[in-house]
Amino acid sequence: MNEKTNDIPCRRILVIMPGLLGESVMATAMLHAIRQAHPEAHITALVKRRLRPVLYGLECVDRVLSIRKGSRKHRQRKSSKARSSVIRLGRRLSRGNFDTAVILPLSFKAVALPTLAGIKRRVGYESDGRAVLLTDRLVARHQQAGKSKSATIDGYLALARYLGAHHPSPSMHQALHPDAGDGLTQRLSSAGVDPEGKELLLVNPGAPTAERRWSPRRMAHLCEMLSERFGLVPVVTGTPAERTVVQELLDRATVPILDLPELGRDLHLLKAMVARSRMMVTNDTGPRYLSAAMGVPVLTLFGPTSPQGSGLMLSHEEQVVSDGISVDARNDPRFKGRASLDVLHADEVFEHASELYETTRTLHVSGQGL
């Protein structure tokens, strides 16, 4: 700990949240740990507006501040107007009278905001040349000699330990908006699906990059096999940027698949659907972590990422890890091989999905973990 911050109490804490869904859900474990370490502190979370539902109803957060994501054109413009928006946000944060800022994103901008806000104690990891702006600098595991790269959730919990948490739990937390559950029931009924009489299979064919996406054609075939074997009703989800992938899955399928984005794109609605689902099949991306937080069985397809990247060992998860590309090859910038998910066939994934379904048959998953 930096000597200058030894005597600064954690009474008003600002947590700058990450910008991705999965990372934001993982960060709830850290928020819970900080709350346990400082039960009397006032904790504010700064989060992108689209991710605000991640923090809905969590007792470990007293206040949520939202920031709107700018347009692509605005982000690419290096103008005084763009810089002034950062300054305005810094001034806005200064009115919170925070004594401590916990900075989860690794960008320079993320640590510049609490600096502009005049927050005396700024805790985060060294990255992107920003060490000079941090008062309390932690070194990521992979930056230490002889250490392997640390998992995301381990890094978040290390910040909680630094702030006084003892044995922080990796358990993530979510709460459902009551209107979202009722709204989902109405929308499912309008689409001809009986949410009480049918078990739902939520499939997520998207991912941030093409290398992390399993073939929509094969995922459509998987939906057909699971529907035929277990009577599951497939429901597909995806972001606006993944619409092409979602549509390809819908076009390839020979069984009816409910298009969740057509029912609504609100994150509250997605959380309600996750909680209502019998199981989920997903690539290694954000919705996986919602399933984990809610105790919903999930089959996750890994490649070229690995399960060790997040650091999560889930009690109701079946992991299918493709061995088509080695870790060393993926880390070599000269490597131009195929994405490892290409080697996974629907029959192989179906076997894993069937095992997950059978082993969790007696598990009452709706709302578990909330």
Protein backbone atom coordinates (compact mmCIF):
# COMPACT_ATOMS: atom_id res chain seq x y z
CA MET A 1 0.00 0.00 0.00
CA ASN A 2 1.27 3.45 -0.83
CA GLU A 3 2.20 5.38 2.32
CA LYS A 4 0.23 8.41 1.16
CA THR A 5 -3.01 6.38 1.27
CA ASN A 6 -2.53 4.46 4.51
CA ASP A 7 -4.65 6.89 6.49
CA ILE A 8 -7.45 7.30 3.91
CA PRO A 9 -10.58 5.47 5.13
CA CYS A 10 -12.83 3.57 2.74
CA ARG A 11 -16.00 5.47 3.52
CA ARG A 12 -17.11 6.56 0.05
CA ILE A 13 -15.95 4.12 -2.60
CA LEU A 14 -16.29 4.50 -6.37
CA VAL A 15 -15.96 1.31 -8.40
CA ILE A 16 -15.38 1.83 -12.12
CA MET A 17 -16.89 -1.26 -13.72
CA PRO A 18 -15.60 -3.10 -16.81
CA GLY A 19 -17.29 -2.60 -20.15
CA LEU A 20 -18.18 -6.20 -21.02
CA LEU A 21 -21.13 -8.24 -19.76
CA GLY A 22 -19.17 -11.25 -18.51
CA GLU A 23 -16.57 -9.16 -16.73
CA SER A 24 -19.29 -7.02 -15.12
CA VAL A 25 -21.04 -10.11 -13.76
CA MET A 26 -17.73 -11.42 -12.40
CA ALA A 27 -17.11 -8.05 -10.76
CA THR A 28 -20.21 -8.54 -8.58
CA ALA A 29 -18.17 -11.06 -6.55
CA MET A 30 -15.66 -8.31 -5.81
CA LEU A 31 -18.39 -5.80 -4.95
CA HIS A 32 -19.88 -8.27 -2.48
CA ALA A 33 -16.48 -8.84 -0.89
CA ILE A 34 -15.80 -5.10 -0.53
CA ARG A 35 -19.22 -4.67 1.07
CA GLN A 36 -18.41 -7.37 3.62
CA ALA A 37 -15.05 -5.75 4.38
CA HIS A 38 -16.58 -2.26 4.69
CA PRO A 39 -20.23 -2.70 5.74
CA GLU A 40 -20.66 0.98 6.61
CA ALA A 41 -19.13 2.36 3.41
CA HIS A 42 -21.17 4.01 0.68
CA ILE A 43 -20.38 2.17 -2.57
CA THR A 44 -21.12 3.68 -5.97
CA ALA A 45 -20.61 1.78 -9.23
CA LEU A 46 -19.94 3.57 -12.52
CA VAL A 47 -21.11 1.39 -15.41
CA LYS A 48 -22.08 1.66 -19.06
CA ARG A 49 -25.80 2.29 -19.37
CA ARG A 50 -26.50 -0.92 -21.29
CA LEU A 51 -24.95 -2.93 -18.43
CA ARG A 52 -26.85 -1.19 -15.65
CA PRO A 53 -29.26 -4.17 -15.21
CA VAL A 54 -26.28 -6.29 -14.08
CA LEU A 55 -26.27 -4.29 -10.84
CA TYR A 56 -30.04 -4.16 -10.35
CA GLY A 57 -31.16 -5.11 -6.86
CA LEU A 58 -27.71 -5.87 -5.45
CA GLU A 59 -27.41 -4.90 -1.80
CA CYS A 60 -23.65 -4.52 -2.09
CA VAL A 61 -24.10 -1.33 -4.17
CA ASP A 62 -25.69 1.84 -2.80
CA ARG A 63 -25.80 3.83 -6.03
CA VAL A 64 -25.31 3.18 -9.74
CA LEU A 65 -24.08 5.88 -12.11
CA SER A 66 -24.43 5.29 -15.84
CA ILE A 67 -22.39 6.47 -18.78
CA ARG A 68 -23.65 6.36 -22.32
CA LYS A 69 -21.45 4.80 -24.97
CA GLY A 70 -20.64 7.33 -27.70
CA SER A 71 -21.15 6.70 -31.39
CA ARG A 72 -18.34 5.18 -33.44
CA LYS A 73 -17.86 8.50 -35.25
CA HIS A 74 -17.63 10.34 -31.96
CA ARG A 75 -15.13 7.87 -30.51
CA GLN A 76 -12.86 8.16 -33.55
CA ARG A 77 -12.84 11.94 -33.47
CA LYS A 78 -9.83 13.26 -31.49
CA SER A 79 -11.34 16.63 -30.85
CA SER A 80 -11.58 19.00 -27.94
CA LYS A 81 -15.26 18.07 -27.71
CA ALA A 82 -14.39 14.42 -27.05
CA ARG A 83 -11.83 15.38 -24.41
CA SER A 84 -14.22 17.76 -22.76
CA SER A 85 -16.74 14.94 -22.24
CA VAL A 86 -14.14 13.13 -20.12
CA ILE A 87 -13.51 16.31 -18.17
CA ARG A 88 -17.25 16.80 -17.60
CA LEU A 89 -17.59 13.24 -16.32
CA GLY A 90 -14.62 13.82 -14.00
CA ARG A 91 -16.31 16.91 -12.61
CA ARG A 92 -19.54 14.98 -12.16
CA LEU A 93 -17.70 12.36 -10.15
CA SER A 94 -16.02 15.02 -8.02
CA ARG A 95 -19.43 15.88 -6.58
CA GLY A 96 -19.58 12.40 -5.03
CA ASN A 97 -16.83 13.24 -2.51
CA PHE A 98 -15.28 9.79 -2.94
CA ASP A 99 -12.18 8.94 -0.91
CA THR A 100 -11.34 5.72 -2.80
CA ALA A 101 -11.66 4.65 -6.44
CA VAL A 102 -11.34 1.00 -7.50
CA ILE A 103 -10.57 0.87 -11.22
CA LEU A 104 -11.33 -2.42 -13.00
CA PRO A 105 -10.82 -1.51 -16.69
CA LEU A 106 -7.17 -1.50 -17.76
CA SER A 107 -7.41 1.61 -19.95
CA PHE A 108 -5.71 4.94 -19.33
CA LYS A 109 -9.06 6.74 -19.53
CA ALA A 110 -10.47 4.65 -16.69
CA VAL A 111 -7.83 5.90 -14.25
CA ALA A 112 -7.88 9.44 -15.67
CA LEU A 113 -11.51 9.89 -14.58
CA PRO A 114 -10.96 9.52 -10.81
CA THR A 115 -7.78 11.57 -11.13
CA LEU A 116 -9.75 14.43 -12.69
CA ALA A 117 -12.39 13.95 -10.00
CA GLY A 118 -9.78 14.55 -7.31
CA ILE A 119 -10.24 11.17 -5.64
CA LYS A 120 -7.22 10.82 -3.36
CA ARG A 121 -6.89 7.05 -3.38
CA ARG A 122 -6.91 5.29 -6.77
CA VAL A 123 -6.49 1.51 -6.71
CA GLY A 124 -5.90 -0.57 -9.82
CA TYR A 125 -3.52 -2.63 -11.92
CA GLU A 126 -0.51 -1.24 -13.74
CA SER A 127 -1.31 -1.13 -17.45
CA ASP A 128 -1.25 1.13 -20.49
CA GLY A 129 1.32 3.53 -18.99
CA ARG A 130 -1.09 4.66 -16.30
CA ALA A 131 0.93 3.72 -13.20
CA VAL A 132 1.77 7.36 -12.54
CA LEU A 133 -1.93 8.13 -11.97
CA LEU A 134 -2.50 5.26 -9.56
CA THR A 135 -1.79 5.80 -5.86
CA ASP A 136 -2.09 2.08 -5.09
CA ARG A 137 -0.65 -0.01 -7.89
CA LEU A 138 -1.11 -3.75 -8.14
CA VAL A 139 0.89 -5.89 -10.55
CA ALA A 140 -1.05 -8.48 -12.53
CA ARG A 141 0.11 -12.05 -12.07
CA HIS A 142 1.33 -12.42 -15.66
CA GLN A 143 3.57 -9.37 -15.18
CA GLN A 144 5.43 -11.08 -12.33
CA ALA A 145 8.49 -13.11 -13.24
CA GLY A 146 7.76 -16.79 -13.61
CA LYS A 147 4.02 -16.41 -13.10
CA SER A 148 1.28 -17.55 -15.44
CA LYS A 149 -1.49 -15.23 -16.58
CA SER A 150 -4.08 -14.78 -13.84
CA ALA A 151 -7.79 -15.34 -14.36
CA THR A 152 -10.13 -12.36 -14.54
CA ILE A 153 -12.10 -13.10 -11.40
CA ASP A 154 -8.90 -13.80 -9.44
CA GLY A 155 -7.68 -10.33 -10.36
CA TYR A 156 -10.90 -8.75 -9.15
CA LEU A 157 -10.83 -10.67 -5.86
CA ALA A 158 -7.19 -9.65 -5.35
CA LEU A 159 -8.35 -6.03 -5.39
CA ALA A 160 -10.95 -6.88 -2.75
CA ARG A 161 -8.30 -8.53 -0.58
CA TYR A 162 -6.07 -5.48 -0.97
CA LEU A 163 -8.92 -3.38 0.42
CA GLY A 164 -9.32 -5.63 3.45
CA ALA A 165 -11.58 -8.50 2.38
CA HIS A 166 -10.73 -11.85 3.98
CA HIS A 167 -11.17 -14.99 1.87
CA PRO A 168 -13.49 -13.35 -0.70
CA SER A 169 -15.84 -15.76 -2.42
CA PRO A 170 -15.89 -16.09 -6.23
CA SER A 171 -19.68 -16.44 -6.11
CA MET A 172 -21.35 -13.97 -8.46
CA HIS A 173 -24.65 -12.25 -7.73
CA GLN A 174 -27.70 -11.29 -9.77
CA ALA A 175 -31.25 -10.16 -9.04
CA LEU A 176 -34.27 -10.15 -11.32
CA HIS A 177 -36.53 -7.19 -11.98
CA PRO A 178 -40.08 -8.36 -11.15
CA ASP A 179 -41.54 -6.70 -14.25
CA ALA A 180 -39.07 -8.55 -16.48
CA GLY A 181 -40.36 -11.96 -15.41
CA ASP A 182 -43.99 -10.99 -15.99
CA GLY A 183 -43.12 -9.38 -19.31
CA LEU A 184 -41.26 -12.48 -20.46
CA THR A 185 -44.22 -14.71 -19.60
CA GLN A 186 -46.53 -12.52 -21.67
CA ARG A 187 -44.15 -12.44 -24.63
CA LEU A 188 -43.61 -16.19 -24.58
CA SER A 189 -47.34 -16.78 -24.45
CA SER A 190 -47.87 -14.39 -27.36
CA ALA A 191 -45.28 -16.37 -29.32
CA GLY A 192 -47.19 -19.59 -28.67
CA VAL A 193 -44.84 -20.97 -26.01
CA ASP A 194 -46.17 -22.21 -22.68
CA PRO A 195 -43.39 -21.22 -20.25
CA GLU A 196 -44.84 -23.42 -17.51
CA GLY A 197 -45.46 -26.51 -19.62
CA LYS A 198 -42.27 -26.53 -21.71
CA GLU A 199 -38.59 -26.62 -20.85
CA LEU A 200 -36.58 -23.93 -22.61
CA LEU A 201 -33.14 -24.32 -24.19
CA LEU A 202 -31.34 -20.99 -24.49
CA VAL A 203 -28.65 -20.93 -27.16
CA ASN A 204 -26.14 -18.14 -27.69
CA PRO A 205 -24.34 -18.48 -31.05
CA GLY A 206 -22.52 -15.14 -30.89
CA ALA A 207 -19.12 -14.14 -29.53
CA PRO A 208 -16.89 -11.04 -29.72
CA THR A 209 -14.76 -12.53 -32.50
CA ALA A 210 -15.33 -15.07 -35.27
CA GLU A 211 -12.66 -17.36 -33.81
CA ARG A 212 -14.74 -17.82 -30.65
CA ARG A 213 -17.99 -18.67 -32.48
CA TRP A 214 -19.10 -22.20 -33.16
CA SER A 215 -20.72 -22.79 -36.53
CA PRO A 216 -24.36 -21.56 -36.51
CA ARG A 217 -25.17 -24.48 -38.80
CA ARG A 218 -23.91 -26.98 -36.24
CA MET A 219 -25.60 -25.17 -33.38
CA ALA A 220 -28.87 -25.33 -35.32
CA HIS A 221 -28.38 -29.09 -35.73
CA LEU A 222 -27.71 -29.37 -31.99
CA CYS A 223 -31.02 -27.57 -31.29
CA GLU A 224 -32.80 -30.11 -33.49
CA MET A 225 -31.28 -33.09 -31.67
CA LEU A 226 -31.98 -31.71 -28.18
CA SER A 227 -35.53 -30.81 -29.17
CA GLU A 228 -36.14 -34.29 -30.53
CA ARG A 229 -34.54 -36.14 -27.60
CA PHE A 230 -35.79 -34.08 -24.64
CA GLY A 231 -38.62 -31.95 -26.00
CA LEU A 232 -36.73 -28.73 -25.27
CA VAL A 233 -37.97 -25.54 -26.91
CA PRO A 234 -34.95 -23.68 -28.36
CA VAL A 235 -34.65 -19.94 -27.80
CA VAL A 236 -31.82 -17.99 -29.47
CA THR A 237 -30.29 -14.80 -28.14
CA GLY A 238 -27.69 -12.37 -29.45
CA THR A 239 -26.65 -8.73 -29.60
CA PRO A 240 -27.46 -6.42 -32.53
CA ALA A 241 -23.90 -6.90 -33.79
CA GLU A 242 -24.50 -10.68 -33.86
CA ARG A 243 -27.72 -10.49 -35.85
CA THR A 244 -26.19 -12.14 -38.93
CA VAL A 245 -25.08 -15.13 -36.86
CA VAL A 246 -28.48 -15.40 -35.15
CA GLN A 247 -30.27 -15.23 -38.48
CA GLU A 248 -28.08 -17.93 -39.99
CA LEU A 249 -28.95 -20.25 -37.11
CA LEU A 250 -32.65 -19.52 -37.59
CA ASP A 251 -32.40 -20.12 -41.34
CA ARG A 252 -30.55 -23.41 -40.90
CA ALA A 253 -32.84 -24.90 -38.25
CA THR A 254 -35.57 -27.39 -39.16
CA VAL A 255 -37.37 -26.99 -35.83
CA PRO A 256 -39.05 -23.82 -34.56
CA ILE A 257 -36.64 -21.59 -32.64
CA LEU A 258 -37.87 -18.59 -30.69
CA ASP A 259 -36.02 -15.38 -31.58
CA LEU A 260 -35.51 -13.61 -28.24
CA PRO A 261 -34.10 -10.37 -29.73
CA GLU A 262 -37.37 -10.00 -31.64
CA LEU A 263 -39.22 -10.08 -28.31
CA GLY A 264 -36.98 -7.39 -26.84
CA ARG A 265 -33.32 -6.47 -26.42
CA ASP A 266 -33.42 -5.35 -22.81
CA LEU A 267 -30.82 -6.97 -20.55
CA HIS A 268 -33.46 -7.39 -17.85
CA LEU A 269 -35.39 -9.57 -20.32
CA LEU A 270 -32.30 -11.66 -21.09
CA LYS A 271 -31.70 -12.23 -17.37
CA ALA A 272 -35.30 -13.34 -16.95
CA MET A 273 -34.93 -15.75 -19.87
CA VAL A 274 -31.71 -17.19 -18.43
CA ALA A 275 -33.43 -17.80 -15.10
CA ARG A 276 -36.40 -19.44 -16.86
CA SER A 277 -34.26 -21.73 -19.03
CA ARG A 278 -33.71 -25.42 -18.34
CA MET A 279 -30.17 -25.11 -19.69
CA MET A 280 -28.00 -22.92 -21.91
CA VAL A 281 -25.57 -23.69 -24.73
CA THR A 282 -23.14 -20.87 -25.39
CA ASN A 283 -19.75 -19.91 -26.68
CA ASP A 284 -17.34 -18.45 -24.11
CA THR A 285 -19.01 -15.05 -23.82
CA GLY A 286 -21.17 -12.87 -21.56
CA PRO A 287 -24.38 -14.94 -21.13
CA ARG A 288 -22.31 -17.81 -19.71
CA TYR A 289 -21.66 -15.72 -16.61
CA LEU A 290 -25.33 -14.87 -16.16
CA SER A 291 -26.07 -18.61 -16.11
CA ALA A 292 -23.32 -19.12 -13.56
CA ALA A 293 -24.64 -16.37 -11.30
CA MET A 294 -28.18 -17.78 -11.48
CA GLY A 295 -27.29 -21.43 -11.03
CA VAL A 296 -28.62 -22.42 -14.47
CA PRO A 297 -26.91 -25.42 -16.12
CA VAL A 298 -24.71 -24.28 -18.98
CA LEU A 299 -22.71 -26.03 -21.68
CA THR A 300 -19.83 -23.80 -22.76
CA LEU A 301 -17.78 -24.22 -25.92
CA PHE A 302 -14.14 -23.17 -25.54
CA GLY A 303 -11.73 -22.43 -28.37
CA PRO A 304 -9.46 -20.62 -28.87
CA THR A 305 -10.11 -19.42 -25.30
CA SER A 306 -9.74 -21.81 -22.37
CA PRO A 307 -11.73 -22.36 -19.14
CA GLN A 308 -8.74 -21.08 -17.13
CA GLY A 309 -9.15 -17.61 -18.62
CA SER A 310 -12.05 -16.65 -16.36
CA GLY A 311 -10.98 -18.70 -13.34
CA LEU A 312 -14.50 -20.03 -12.79
CA MET A 313 -15.24 -23.61 -11.82
CA LEU A 314 -19.02 -23.89 -12.05
CA SER A 315 -20.99 -26.64 -10.33
CA HIS A 316 -23.55 -26.98 -13.14
CA GLU A 317 -21.37 -26.47 -16.20
CA GLU A 318 -20.30 -28.91 -18.89
CA GLN A 319 -17.22 -27.67 -20.74
CA VAL A 320 -16.37 -28.71 -24.28
CA VAL A 321 -12.79 -27.70 -24.96
CA SER A 322 -11.54 -28.07 -28.51
CA ASP A 323 -7.97 -29.26 -28.89
CA GLY A 324 -7.69 -28.11 -32.49
CA ILE A 325 -5.14 -25.39 -31.70
CA SER A 326 -2.53 -25.41 -28.95
CA VAL A 327 -2.17 -22.53 -26.52
CA ASP A 328 1.37 -21.88 -27.74
CA ALA A 329 0.20 -21.70 -31.35
CA ARG A 330 -2.58 -19.27 -30.49
CA ASN A 331 -0.12 -16.97 -28.74
CA ASP A 332 2.26 -16.95 -31.71
CA PRO A 333 1.44 -13.93 -33.93
CA ARG A 334 2.82 -15.85 -36.91
CA PHE A 335 0.24 -18.59 -36.50
CA LYS A 336 -2.48 -18.54 -39.18
CA GLY A 337 -4.35 -21.76 -38.41
CA ARG A 338 -8.07 -22.48 -38.22
CA ALA A 339 -10.16 -21.49 -35.26
CA SER A 340 -10.24 -24.49 -32.96
CA LEU A 341 -14.04 -24.49 -32.63
CA ASP A 342 -14.22 -25.59 -36.28
CA VAL A 343 -13.22 -29.11 -35.27
CA LEU A 344 -16.19 -29.61 -32.93
CA HIS A 345 -19.03 -31.64 -34.45
CA ALA A 346 -22.67 -31.50 -33.40
CA ASP A 347 -22.76 -35.17 -32.36
CA GLU A 348 -19.89 -34.65 -29.93
CA VAL A 349 -21.46 -31.56 -28.38
CA PHE A 350 -24.83 -33.34 -28.23
CA GLU A 351 -23.32 -36.06 -26.04
CA HIS A 352 -22.05 -33.47 -23.58
CA ALA A 353 -25.35 -31.58 -23.63
CA SER A 354 -27.31 -34.80 -23.00
CA GLU A 355 -25.10 -35.64 -20.03
CA LEU A 356 -25.61 -32.16 -18.59
CA TYR A 357 -29.37 -32.45 -19.03
CA GLU A 358 -29.54 -35.85 -17.37
CA THR A 359 -27.29 -34.99 -14.42
CA THR A 360 -29.28 -31.83 -13.65
CA ARG A 361 -32.72 -33.35 -14.22
CA THR A 362 -33.75 -32.98 -10.59
CA LEU A 363 -32.27 -29.53 -10.20
CA HIS A 364 -34.86 -26.78 -9.80
CA VAL A 365 -32.94 -24.01 -11.54
CA SER A 366 -35.51 -21.27 -11.96
CA GLY A 367 -34.33 -18.34 -9.88
CA GLN A 368 -31.57 -20.33 -8.13
CA GLY A 369 -28.58 -18.30 -7.06
CA LEU A 370 -30.46 -14.99 -7.09
